[in-house]
Amino acid sequence: MLQKFFYVLILCCCSACGNADSQSSTPFEDVKFAEDKMSPILVPGSAGAWNELKADTGDSLLFKDSKWWLYHSGQNSSATNLIGLHISDGLSLEGPWNDLPNNPILGLGSPGDWDENGVAHPSVIERSGQIMMYYSGFGLEGEQIGLANSTDGVSFTKFSGNPVVKLGGMGEWDSGGVDHPSIIHDGKQYVMAYRGWASGTTDIHSSIGIATSYDGINWTKNPSNPVLRPGPPGSWDDYGVLAPRLWFDSGVYNMNYSGKPNNTLLSSIGHAQATSLASWVKSNKNPIIYAGDYSWHELEWGTNVKIGNDWFMLTTAWYNDGRTVLWVGKFS
């Protein structure tokens, strides 16, 4: 079991993401991850459940009321993406995890709405007693990013001005769609990383952009977008980069992301850093978790938690369905 006396320092998509790590001296990229013996910690639901087909298609964590709250999207038997919540029994990320009785907590929009075909990929942050969920919405115009708000973390109200981040204009790098939001607050502003792709290409032939906001509603895309692009031919991420997860540590922005190679299109987890949001540097140790070393075909949404001196990571893992896999990391 994981330690019961802990210091939660970095939690992607949580209010703690704006805090600096006074104990962090060894680079994150030197952490070696291994699959936890209890993985996968989430599996598809039973017949007729909201997550029958896939248990996890994108996730986000909060630590609330001395328990872990795992927000994630799943797919029902019709392959419709919906967003639900699992809550841990206690302090352990290994679970068990309890499926909220009123799942899904966020459903698709009404006919004609921008998210009428599904909702997915939540990124949740708690600020001043308000829980803000950013999510991907699927509609006739394509994939875009919306906001829903809650005071209790269970009942969410969609923002009337959605989508808050729209696909780009004709000829822009993200004209085909935007999704996969990851939100932090760096102490001054909200920062969002998101996936985008050009019109006429597939959504996995994608790059990652940055947007910033002072109120969480009005977002400005970075003029240097996309700030993270696919790697050179023959590299592990030469076809597309996607599924970012941000955190802020000692004045440095960090991002876990997934990369797809052209030869297999199977995702592994990489890491990048920036002191300026316009300029990111990929780790020379990428990929930090290579899907080919494990039974999972693909790994996405590398969501980090630091407990004491130990690192943990949750990833969405694809085999025949989407599951949540827990990884345990130690400094080498």
Foldseek 3Di string as FASTA:
>chain_A
DDDPAWDWQWFFLEQSLQDADPPDDDDPLLWAKDFDPLPPLFAADDAPDQANFFGADAWGWDCPPQKIKIWGWHHHPVRAIFIFIWIFPHNDPSGNTHGPPPPPLGFADDPPDQQNRHKGHWRWYDDPQKIKIKIWGQDPQGIAIFIWIDNPVRHTDTDPPPPLGFADDAPDAQNHYKGLWTWYQNPQWIKIKIWGGHPPDDSQQIAIWMWIGRPVRHIDTDPLPPQGHADDAPDQANRHKGNWTWGAYPQKIKIKIWGAHPVQRATAIWMWIDSDRNHIDTDPSPPSGDCVVDQFRHWHNFTWIDIHNWIKTWTFTDDSHTTIIIMTIDRD
